[in-house]
Amino acid sequence: MGEMDTFTCRRSRWNHPVIALLGLPTIGVEEPTRLRKKNFIVSREAEECFLDARYDDRLLIPNLFYDFALIPGREIEEFDARTIEGLLALGKRYEYGDPFASSIPRIREKITDASLDKLGFEYIAALDPIGGRVLMMTQRNSTYLYSACGVTALDARRRWCHLGAFAFPII
């Protein structure tokens, strides 16, 4: 409970929830096994992301702390603006760094379903095109990690963009 209280009270200068994450000495090929040992379910698509060599190009550096802001998708009010470009532009508007998928396993490990409920998010995603995949997500009420493939996957999900949050590193 203390972790959730610390998390929910911390805010960026734009009032976005902030989560602090510690980089682990784990490379992508090790990630599915590590997560499964902690009783997480890793989808086939998410595992393909972890196994893609490009995943390791954007890892959190071991033993270094990172702050990630969680921007609510509802900040993009216009339906047609709910695109990859629209989400990246939103992060730039707040002067956040480029997102990367390797933050998602750490976020899923740290944020409880109760925290998601309190924040009003159905999921947290990071945009990071890896092997044609666009999103890696955590979803409440489960320990499931998965990814959506391609731009059409994001297009199909525009209608629920407002239900989640998108993780951007604070630089």
N, C-alpha and C. Protein backbone atom coordinates (compact mmCIF):
# COMPACT_ATOMS: atom_id res chain seq x y z
N MET A 1 0.82 -1.20 0.00
CA MET A 1 0.00 0.00 0.00
C MET A 1 0.86 1.26 0.00
N GLY A 2 1.98 1.26 0.73
CA GLY A 2 2.85 2.43 0.76
C GLY A 2 3.37 2.79 -0.61
N GLU A 3 3.71 1.77 -1.43
CA GLU A 3 4.22 2.03 -2.77
C GLU A 3 3.16 2.74 -3.60
N MET A 4 1.91 2.30 -3.48
CA MET A 4 0.85 2.93 -4.24
C MET A 4 0.68 4.38 -3.78
N ASP A 5 0.73 4.64 -2.47
CA ASP A 5 0.56 6.00 -1.98
C ASP A 5 1.68 6.91 -2.49
N THR A 6 2.92 6.43 -2.47
CA THR A 6 4.04 7.21 -2.99
C THR A 6 3.83 7.50 -4.46
N PHE A 7 3.41 6.49 -5.20
CA PHE A 7 3.19 6.65 -6.63
C PHE A 7 2.10 7.65 -6.92
N THR A 8 0.96 7.52 -6.30
CA THR A 8 -0.18 8.37 -6.65
C THR A 8 0.01 9.82 -6.23
N CYS A 9 0.87 10.07 -5.25
CA CYS A 9 1.06 11.44 -4.78
C CYS A 9 2.07 12.22 -5.62
N ARG A 10 2.92 11.53 -6.34
CA ARG A 10 3.97 12.19 -7.10
C ARG A 10 3.44 12.62 -8.46
N ARG A 11 3.71 13.85 -8.82
CA ARG A 11 3.20 14.41 -10.09
C ARG A 11 4.30 15.17 -10.81
N SER A 12 4.18 15.21 -12.15
CA SER A 12 5.10 16.02 -12.95
C SER A 12 4.68 17.48 -12.84
N ARG A 13 5.49 18.36 -13.42
CA ARG A 13 5.12 19.77 -13.37
C ARG A 13 3.86 20.07 -14.17
N TRP A 14 3.42 19.12 -15.01
CA TRP A 14 2.16 19.26 -15.75
C TRP A 14 1.05 18.45 -15.10
N ASN A 15 1.31 18.00 -13.89
CA ASN A 15 0.34 17.28 -13.08
C ASN A 15 0.03 15.86 -13.57
N HIS A 16 0.94 15.27 -14.34
CA HIS A 16 0.78 13.87 -14.74
C HIS A 16 1.33 12.97 -13.64
N PRO A 17 0.69 11.83 -13.39
CA PRO A 17 1.26 10.88 -12.43
C PRO A 17 2.67 10.47 -12.88
N VAL A 18 3.56 10.29 -11.93
CA VAL A 18 4.95 9.91 -12.22
C VAL A 18 5.28 8.63 -11.47
N ILE A 19 5.97 7.74 -12.16
CA ILE A 19 6.45 6.52 -11.54
C ILE A 19 7.96 6.43 -11.72
N ALA A 20 8.65 6.07 -10.64
CA ALA A 20 10.10 5.89 -10.69
C ALA A 20 10.39 4.41 -10.92
N LEU A 21 11.27 4.15 -11.87
CA LEU A 21 11.63 2.77 -12.21
C LEU A 21 13.13 2.59 -12.13
N LEU A 22 13.54 1.41 -11.72
CA LEU A 22 14.95 1.06 -11.67
C LEU A 22 15.28 0.12 -12.81
N GLY A 23 16.30 0.45 -13.59
CA GLY A 23 16.74 -0.44 -14.65
C GLY A 23 17.32 -1.72 -14.07
N LEU A 24 17.03 -2.83 -14.72
CA LEU A 24 17.53 -4.14 -14.28
C LEU A 24 18.54 -4.68 -15.27
N PRO A 25 19.46 -5.52 -14.82
CA PRO A 25 20.45 -6.10 -15.73
C PRO A 25 19.87 -7.29 -16.50
N THR A 26 18.80 -7.03 -17.23
CA THR A 26 18.11 -8.07 -17.98
C THR A 26 18.02 -7.64 -19.44
N ILE A 27 18.38 -8.54 -20.33
CA ILE A 27 18.22 -8.24 -21.75
C ILE A 27 16.91 -8.86 -22.23
N GLY A 28 16.48 -8.48 -23.41
CA GLY A 28 15.18 -8.90 -23.92
C GLY A 28 14.95 -10.40 -23.92
N VAL A 29 15.94 -11.17 -24.33
CA VAL A 29 15.77 -12.61 -24.42
C VAL A 29 15.52 -13.23 -23.03
N GLU A 30 15.97 -12.57 -21.98
CA GLU A 30 15.77 -13.05 -20.60
C GLU A 30 14.44 -12.61 -20.01
N GLU A 31 13.85 -11.58 -20.58
CA GLU A 31 12.66 -10.95 -19.99
C GLU A 31 11.46 -11.89 -19.86
N PRO A 32 11.08 -12.66 -20.89
CA PRO A 32 9.91 -13.53 -20.72
C PRO A 32 10.07 -14.53 -19.58
N THR A 33 11.23 -15.13 -19.46
CA THR A 33 11.46 -16.10 -18.39
C THR A 33 11.39 -15.43 -17.03
N ARG A 34 12.02 -14.26 -16.90
CA ARG A 34 12.01 -13.53 -15.63
C ARG A 34 10.58 -13.17 -15.23
N LEU A 35 9.80 -12.70 -16.19
CA LEU A 35 8.42 -12.31 -15.90
C LEU A 35 7.55 -13.52 -15.56
N ARG A 36 7.73 -14.60 -16.27
CA ARG A 36 6.93 -15.81 -15.98
C ARG A 36 7.24 -16.37 -14.60
N LYS A 37 8.48 -16.25 -14.16
CA LYS A 37 8.84 -16.69 -12.81
C LYS A 37 8.11 -15.87 -11.76
N LYS A 38 7.70 -14.66 -12.13
CA LYS A 38 6.94 -13.79 -11.22
C LYS A 38 5.44 -13.91 -11.47
N ASN A 39 5.04 -14.96 -12.19
CA ASN A 39 3.63 -15.27 -12.48
C ASN A 39 2.95 -14.30 -13.43
N PHE A 40 3.72 -13.67 -14.30
CA PHE A 40 3.13 -12.86 -15.35
C PHE A 40 2.87 -13.74 -16.56
N ILE A 41 1.89 -13.37 -17.33
CA ILE A 41 1.58 -14.05 -18.59
C ILE A 41 2.13 -13.17 -19.69
N VAL A 42 2.95 -13.72 -20.55
CA VAL A 42 3.56 -12.97 -21.64
C VAL A 42 3.00 -13.51 -22.95
N SER A 43 2.30 -12.67 -23.68
CA SER A 43 1.71 -13.12 -24.95
C SER A 43 2.81 -13.45 -25.96
N ARG A 44 2.43 -14.18 -26.98
CA ARG A 44 3.37 -14.52 -28.06
C ARG A 44 3.90 -13.25 -28.72
N GLU A 45 3.02 -12.28 -28.95
CA GLU A 45 3.45 -11.03 -29.59
C GLU A 45 4.40 -10.24 -28.72
N ALA A 46 4.13 -10.20 -27.41
CA ALA A 46 5.03 -9.50 -26.49
C ALA A 46 6.38 -10.21 -26.45
N GLU A 47 6.36 -11.54 -26.43
CA GLU A 47 7.61 -12.28 -26.41
C GLU A 47 8.43 -12.00 -27.67
N GLU A 48 7.76 -11.88 -28.79
CA GLU A 48 8.47 -11.55 -30.03
C GLU A 48 9.14 -10.18 -29.92
N CYS A 49 8.49 -9.25 -29.23
CA CYS A 49 9.11 -7.93 -29.01
C CYS A 49 10.36 -8.08 -28.16
N PHE A 50 10.25 -8.85 -27.08
CA PHE A 50 11.41 -9.03 -26.19
C PHE A 50 12.57 -9.69 -26.93
N LEU A 51 12.27 -10.61 -27.83
CA LEU A 51 13.31 -11.37 -28.51
C LEU A 51 13.91 -10.63 -29.70
N ASP A 52 13.25 -9.57 -30.14
CA ASP A 52 13.76 -8.76 -31.24
C ASP A 52 15.02 -8.04 -30.77
N ALA A 53 16.10 -8.12 -31.53
CA ALA A 53 17.38 -7.51 -31.14
C ALA A 53 17.24 -6.01 -30.90
N ARG A 54 16.29 -5.37 -31.57
CA ARG A 54 16.12 -3.92 -31.40
C ARG A 54 15.60 -3.56 -30.01
N TYR A 55 14.96 -4.52 -29.34
CA TYR A 55 14.48 -4.28 -27.97
C TYR A 55 15.65 -3.91 -27.07
N ASP A 56 16.76 -4.61 -27.22
CA ASP A 56 17.93 -4.37 -26.37
C ASP A 56 18.59 -3.03 -26.64
N ASP A 57 18.28 -2.40 -27.77
CA ASP A 57 18.84 -1.08 -28.07
C ASP A 57 18.23 0.00 -27.19
N ARG A 58 17.09 -0.28 -26.58
CA ARG A 58 16.37 0.73 -25.80
C ARG A 58 16.04 0.22 -24.40
N LEU A 59 16.97 -0.43 -23.76
CA LEU A 59 16.77 -0.94 -22.40
C LEU A 59 17.00 0.15 -21.37
N LEU A 60 16.34 0.01 -20.22
CA LEU A 60 16.67 0.86 -19.08
C LEU A 60 18.05 0.42 -18.59
N ILE A 61 18.91 1.35 -18.32
CA ILE A 61 20.27 1.03 -17.88
C ILE A 61 20.21 0.45 -16.47
N PRO A 62 20.88 -0.70 -16.25
CA PRO A 62 20.83 -1.33 -14.93
C PRO A 62 21.26 -0.39 -13.81
N ASN A 63 20.52 -0.46 -12.71
CA ASN A 63 20.80 0.28 -11.47
C ASN A 63 20.68 1.79 -11.62
N LEU A 64 20.04 2.25 -12.67
CA LEU A 64 19.78 3.68 -12.85
C LEU A 64 18.28 3.90 -12.70
N PHE A 65 17.91 4.95 -11.96
CA PHE A 65 16.50 5.26 -11.78
C PHE A 65 16.01 6.17 -12.90
N TYR A 66 14.80 5.92 -13.33
CA TYR A 66 14.14 6.71 -14.37
C TYR A 66 12.78 7.16 -13.83
N ASP A 67 12.37 8.36 -14.22
CA ASP A 67 11.02 8.83 -13.93
C ASP A 67 10.23 8.81 -15.22
N PHE A 68 9.05 8.21 -15.15
CA PHE A 68 8.15 8.17 -16.29
C PHE A 68 6.85 8.87 -15.94
N ALA A 69 6.44 9.80 -16.82
CA ALA A 69 5.15 10.46 -16.68
C ALA A 69 4.11 9.63 -17.40
N LEU A 70 2.93 9.55 -16.83
CA LEU A 70 1.82 8.82 -17.44
C LEU A 70 0.80 9.84 -17.96
N ILE A 71 0.80 10.02 -19.27
CA ILE A 71 -0.10 10.99 -19.88
C ILE A 71 -1.42 10.28 -20.21
N PRO A 72 -2.52 10.76 -19.66
CA PRO A 72 -3.82 10.15 -19.99
C PRO A 72 -4.14 10.32 -21.48
N GLY A 73 -4.55 9.24 -22.12
CA GLY A 73 -4.92 9.30 -23.53
C GLY A 73 -6.06 10.27 -23.79
N ARG A 74 -6.88 10.52 -22.78
CA ARG A 74 -8.02 11.43 -22.95
C ARG A 74 -7.58 12.87 -23.25
N GLU A 75 -6.27 13.16 -23.08
CA GLU A 75 -5.79 14.49 -23.43
C GLU A 75 -5.82 14.72 -24.93
N ILE A 76 -5.95 13.66 -25.71
CA ILE A 76 -6.15 13.81 -27.15
C ILE A 76 -7.65 13.70 -27.39
N GLU A 77 -8.29 14.83 -27.43
CA GLU A 77 -9.75 14.85 -27.51
C GLU A 77 -10.27 14.49 -28.90
N GLU A 78 -9.59 14.94 -29.93
CA GLU A 78 -10.06 14.72 -31.30
C GLU A 78 -9.76 13.28 -31.74
N PHE A 79 -10.78 12.57 -32.12
CA PHE A 79 -10.68 11.16 -32.49
C PHE A 79 -9.61 10.93 -33.56
N ASP A 80 -9.59 11.75 -34.61
CA ASP A 80 -8.65 11.56 -35.70
C ASP A 80 -7.20 11.86 -35.31
N ALA A 81 -7.00 12.52 -34.18
CA ALA A 81 -5.64 12.82 -33.71
C ALA A 81 -5.07 11.68 -32.87
N ARG A 82 -5.85 10.66 -32.60
CA ARG A 82 -5.39 9.52 -31.80
C ARG A 82 -4.59 8.56 -32.67
N THR A 83 -3.42 9.03 -33.05
CA THR A 83 -2.51 8.28 -33.89
C THR A 83 -1.17 8.20 -33.19
N ILE A 84 -0.27 7.42 -33.75
CA ILE A 84 1.09 7.36 -33.19
C ILE A 84 1.70 8.75 -33.19
N GLU A 85 1.56 9.44 -34.31
CA GLU A 85 2.13 10.79 -34.41
C GLU A 85 1.49 11.72 -33.38
N GLY A 86 0.19 11.59 -33.20
CA GLY A 86 -0.51 12.43 -32.23
C GLY A 86 -0.03 12.19 -30.81
N LEU A 87 0.18 10.92 -30.46
CA LEU A 87 0.67 10.59 -29.12
C LEU A 87 2.10 11.07 -28.91
N LEU A 88 2.95 10.89 -29.92
CA LEU A 88 4.33 11.37 -29.81
C LEU A 88 4.38 12.89 -29.71
N ALA A 89 3.52 13.57 -30.46
CA ALA A 89 3.46 15.03 -30.39
C ALA A 89 3.02 15.49 -29.00
N LEU A 90 2.11 14.75 -28.40
CA LEU A 90 1.65 15.08 -27.05
C LEU A 90 2.81 15.00 -26.06
N GLY A 91 3.61 13.93 -26.16
CA GLY A 91 4.79 13.81 -25.29
C GLY A 91 5.77 14.95 -25.50
N LYS A 92 5.99 15.33 -26.76
CA LYS A 92 6.91 16.43 -27.07
C LYS A 92 6.39 17.75 -26.51
N ARG A 93 5.07 17.92 -26.58
CA ARG A 93 4.47 19.16 -26.07
C ARG A 93 4.82 19.38 -24.60
N TYR A 94 4.91 18.28 -23.86
CA TYR A 94 5.25 18.36 -22.44
C TYR A 94 6.76 18.23 -22.19
N GLU A 95 7.53 18.20 -23.28
CA GLU A 95 8.99 18.11 -23.19
C GLU A 95 9.47 16.81 -22.55
N TYR A 96 8.70 15.73 -22.74
CA TYR A 96 9.12 14.41 -22.29
C TYR A 96 9.98 13.78 -23.37
N GLY A 97 10.71 12.73 -23.00
CA GLY A 97 11.56 12.04 -23.95
C GLY A 97 10.77 11.06 -24.79
N ASP A 98 11.47 10.45 -25.75
CA ASP A 98 10.85 9.44 -26.59
C ASP A 98 10.56 8.19 -25.77
N PRO A 99 9.36 7.64 -25.89
CA PRO A 99 9.00 6.47 -25.10
C PRO A 99 9.71 5.22 -25.58
N PHE A 100 9.80 4.23 -24.71
CA PHE A 100 10.36 2.95 -25.13
C PHE A 100 9.69 1.81 -24.38
N ALA A 101 9.51 0.72 -25.11
CA ALA A 101 8.73 -0.42 -24.63
C ALA A 101 9.34 -1.10 -23.43
N SER A 102 10.66 -1.03 -23.26
CA SER A 102 11.28 -1.75 -22.15
C SER A 102 10.85 -1.21 -20.79
N SER A 103 10.15 -0.08 -20.76
CA SER A 103 9.62 0.42 -19.49
C SER A 103 8.39 -0.35 -19.03
N ILE A 104 7.68 -0.97 -19.96
CA ILE A 104 6.40 -1.59 -19.63
C ILE A 104 6.51 -2.75 -18.63
N PRO A 105 7.46 -3.67 -18.78
CA PRO A 105 7.55 -4.71 -17.75
C PRO A 105 7.79 -4.15 -16.35
N ARG A 106 8.64 -3.12 -16.24
CA ARG A 106 8.89 -2.51 -14.93
C ARG A 106 7.63 -1.84 -14.40
N ILE A 107 6.90 -1.15 -15.29
CA ILE A 107 5.67 -0.47 -14.87
C ILE A 107 4.65 -1.50 -14.39
N ARG A 108 4.50 -2.59 -15.14
CA ARG A 108 3.51 -3.61 -14.76
C ARG A 108 3.86 -4.24 -13.41
N GLU A 109 5.16 -4.37 -13.14
CA GLU A 109 5.57 -4.94 -11.86
C GLU A 109 5.30 -4.00 -10.70
N LYS A 110 5.33 -2.71 -10.96
CA LYS A 110 5.23 -1.73 -9.88
C LYS A 110 3.81 -1.23 -9.63
N ILE A 111 3.04 -1.07 -10.69
CA ILE A 111 1.70 -0.50 -10.54
C ILE A 111 0.69 -1.62 -10.32
N THR A 112 -0.02 -1.52 -9.23
CA THR A 112 -1.03 -2.51 -8.90
C THR A 112 -2.33 -2.21 -9.64
N ASP A 113 -3.20 -3.20 -9.70
CA ASP A 113 -4.53 -2.97 -10.28
C ASP A 113 -5.27 -1.89 -9.49
N ALA A 114 -5.08 -1.87 -8.17
CA ALA A 114 -5.72 -0.84 -7.35
C ALA A 114 -5.23 0.56 -7.74
N SER A 115 -3.94 0.67 -8.05
CA SER A 115 -3.40 1.96 -8.49
C SER A 115 -4.02 2.39 -9.82
N LEU A 116 -4.14 1.43 -10.74
CA LEU A 116 -4.77 1.76 -12.03
C LEU A 116 -6.20 2.23 -11.81
N ASP A 117 -6.93 1.54 -10.96
CA ASP A 117 -8.31 1.94 -10.67
C ASP A 117 -8.36 3.34 -10.08
N LYS A 118 -7.47 3.61 -9.13
CA LYS A 118 -7.46 4.92 -8.49
C LYS A 118 -7.15 6.04 -9.48
N LEU A 119 -6.27 5.74 -10.43
CA LEU A 119 -5.90 6.72 -11.45
C LEU A 119 -6.95 6.81 -12.57
N GLY A 120 -7.80 5.81 -12.67
CA GLY A 120 -8.83 5.80 -13.71
C GLY A 120 -8.32 5.31 -15.06
N PHE A 121 -7.27 4.48 -15.07
CA PHE A 121 -6.71 3.95 -16.31
C PHE A 121 -7.07 2.48 -16.47
N GLU A 122 -7.41 2.11 -17.69
CA GLU A 122 -7.63 0.70 -18.02
C GLU A 122 -6.29 0.03 -18.36
N TYR A 123 -5.35 0.78 -18.84
CA TYR A 123 -4.06 0.23 -19.24
C TYR A 123 -3.01 1.34 -19.25
N ILE A 124 -1.76 0.92 -19.37
CA ILE A 124 -0.65 1.84 -19.58
C ILE A 124 0.14 1.28 -20.76
N ALA A 125 0.48 2.13 -21.70
CA ALA A 125 1.17 1.70 -22.90
C ALA A 125 2.41 2.54 -23.13
N ALA A 126 3.34 1.97 -23.88
CA ALA A 126 4.50 2.72 -24.34
C ALA A 126 4.60 2.52 -25.84
N LEU A 127 4.69 3.59 -26.55
CA LEU A 127 4.85 3.53 -27.99
C LEU A 127 6.33 3.33 -28.30
N ASP A 128 6.63 2.29 -29.02
CA ASP A 128 8.02 2.04 -29.39
C ASP A 128 8.01 1.01 -30.50
N PRO A 129 8.08 1.45 -31.74
CA PRO A 129 8.00 0.49 -32.83
C PRO A 129 9.15 -0.50 -32.80
N ILE A 130 8.84 -1.74 -32.48
CA ILE A 130 9.83 -2.81 -32.44
C ILE A 130 9.32 -3.92 -33.33
N GLY A 131 10.04 -4.24 -34.36
CA GLY A 131 9.65 -5.33 -35.22
C GLY A 131 8.24 -5.19 -35.78
N GLY A 132 7.82 -3.96 -36.07
CA GLY A 132 6.49 -3.72 -36.60
C GLY A 132 5.42 -3.60 -35.54
N ARG A 133 5.78 -3.75 -34.28
CA ARG A 133 4.81 -3.63 -33.20
C ARG A 133 4.79 -2.19 -32.71
N VAL A 134 3.63 -1.75 -32.34
CA VAL A 134 3.47 -0.35 -31.97
C VAL A 134 3.34 -0.17 -30.47
N LEU A 135 2.60 -1.00 -29.80
CA LEU A 135 2.32 -0.80 -28.38
C LEU A 135 2.67 -2.03 -27.57
N MET A 136 3.16 -1.80 -26.38
CA MET A 136 3.23 -2.86 -25.39
C MET A 136 2.42 -2.35 -24.21
N MET A 137 1.55 -3.17 -23.68
CA MET A 137 0.61 -2.67 -22.70
C MET A 137 0.58 -3.50 -21.44
N THR A 138 0.14 -2.84 -20.38
CA THR A 138 -0.28 -3.54 -19.19
C THR A 138 -1.78 -3.30 -19.11
N GLN A 139 -2.49 -4.26 -18.66
CA GLN A 139 -3.93 -4.11 -18.57
C GLN A 139 -4.39 -4.54 -17.19
N ARG A 140 -5.30 -3.79 -16.60
CA ARG A 140 -5.71 -4.10 -15.24
C ARG A 140 -6.47 -5.41 -15.17
N ASN A 141 -6.59 -5.90 -13.96
CA ASN A 141 -7.26 -7.16 -13.66
C ASN A 141 -6.55 -8.36 -14.26
N SER A 142 -5.27 -8.23 -14.53
CA SER A 142 -4.52 -9.39 -15.02
C SER A 142 -3.04 -9.13 -14.85
N THR A 143 -2.28 -10.14 -15.12
CA THR A 143 -0.82 -10.00 -15.14
C THR A 143 -0.35 -10.21 -16.56
N TYR A 144 -1.12 -9.73 -17.51
CA TYR A 144 -0.90 -10.02 -18.92
C TYR A 144 -0.12 -8.90 -19.58
N LEU A 145 0.95 -9.25 -20.27
CA LEU A 145 1.72 -8.29 -21.07
C LEU A 145 1.54 -8.66 -22.53
N TYR A 146 1.18 -7.71 -23.36
CA TYR A 146 1.01 -8.02 -24.77
C TYR A 146 1.36 -6.81 -25.61
N SER A 147 1.34 -7.00 -26.91
CA SER A 147 1.59 -5.87 -27.81
C SER A 147 0.57 -5.89 -28.92
N ALA A 148 0.35 -4.72 -29.49
CA ALA A 148 -0.52 -4.60 -30.64
C ALA A 148 0.37 -4.40 -31.85
N CYS A 149 0.01 -5.01 -32.95
CA CYS A 149 0.89 -4.99 -34.12
C CYS A 149 0.42 -3.98 -35.16
N GLY A 150 1.33 -3.17 -35.61
CA GLY A 150 1.09 -2.31 -36.76
C GLY A 150 0.21 -1.11 -36.49
N VAL A 151 0.24 -0.22 -37.41
CA VAL A 151 -0.53 1.02 -37.31
C VAL A 151 -2.02 0.74 -37.28
N THR A 152 -2.47 -0.27 -38.00
CA THR A 152 -3.90 -0.56 -38.02
C THR A 152 -4.39 -0.99 -36.64
N ALA A 153 -3.51 -1.60 -35.85
CA ALA A 153 -3.90 -1.98 -34.50
C ALA A 153 -4.20 -0.73 -33.67
N LEU A 154 -3.36 0.29 -33.81
CA LEU A 154 -3.62 1.54 -33.09
C LEU A 154 -4.88 2.20 -33.64
N ASP A 155 -5.04 2.19 -34.95
CA ASP A 155 -6.24 2.79 -35.54
C ASP A 155 -7.50 2.13 -35.00
N ALA A 156 -7.47 0.81 -34.86
CA ALA A 156 -8.64 0.08 -34.36
C ALA A 156 -8.91 0.40 -32.90
N ARG A 157 -7.90 0.86 -32.19
CA ARG A 157 -8.04 1.12 -30.77
C ARG A 157 -8.23 2.61 -30.45
N ARG A 158 -8.37 3.43 -31.45
CA ARG A 158 -8.57 4.86 -31.20
C ARG A 158 -9.74 5.10 -30.27
N ARG A 159 -10.76 4.28 -30.40
CA ARG A 159 -11.96 4.50 -29.61
C ARG A 159 -11.71 4.30 -28.12
N TRP A 160 -10.67 3.54 -27.74
CA TRP A 160 -10.39 3.38 -26.31
C TRP A 160 -9.11 4.05 -25.87
N CYS A 161 -8.52 4.85 -26.72
CA CYS A 161 -7.31 5.60 -26.37
C CYS A 161 -7.52 6.39 -25.08
N HIS A 162 -8.71 6.93 -24.90
CA HIS A 162 -9.01 7.76 -23.74
C HIS A 162 -9.06 6.97 -22.43
N LEU A 163 -9.08 5.64 -22.50
CA LEU A 163 -9.18 4.82 -21.30
C LEU A 163 -7.84 4.55 -20.63
N GLY A 164 -6.75 4.83 -21.35
CA GLY A 164 -5.44 4.48 -20.82
C GLY A 164 -4.52 5.65 -20.63
N ALA A 165 -3.27 5.31 -20.36
CA ALA A 165 -2.21 6.31 -20.20
C ALA A 165 -1.01 5.85 -20.99
N PHE A 166 -0.19 6.78 -21.39
CA PHE A 166 1.00 6.50 -22.18
C PHE A 166 2.22 6.98 -21.41
N ALA A 167 3.20 6.06 -21.27
CA ALA A 167 4.39 6.32 -20.48
C ALA A 167 5.46 7.02 -21.30
N PHE A 168 5.93 8.15 -20.79
CA PHE A 168 7.00 8.91 -21.42
C PHE A 168 8.08 9.20 -20.37
N PRO A 169 9.36 9.00 -20.71
CA PRO A 169 10.41 9.33 -19.74
C PRO A 169 10.51 10.85 -19.56
N ILE A 170 10.75 11.25 -18.33
CA ILE A 170 10.96 12.67 -18.03
C ILE A 170 12.45 12.93 -18.21
N ILE A 171 12.75 13.90 -19.08
CA ILE A 171 14.17 14.20 -19.35
C ILE A 171 14.55 15.55 -18.75
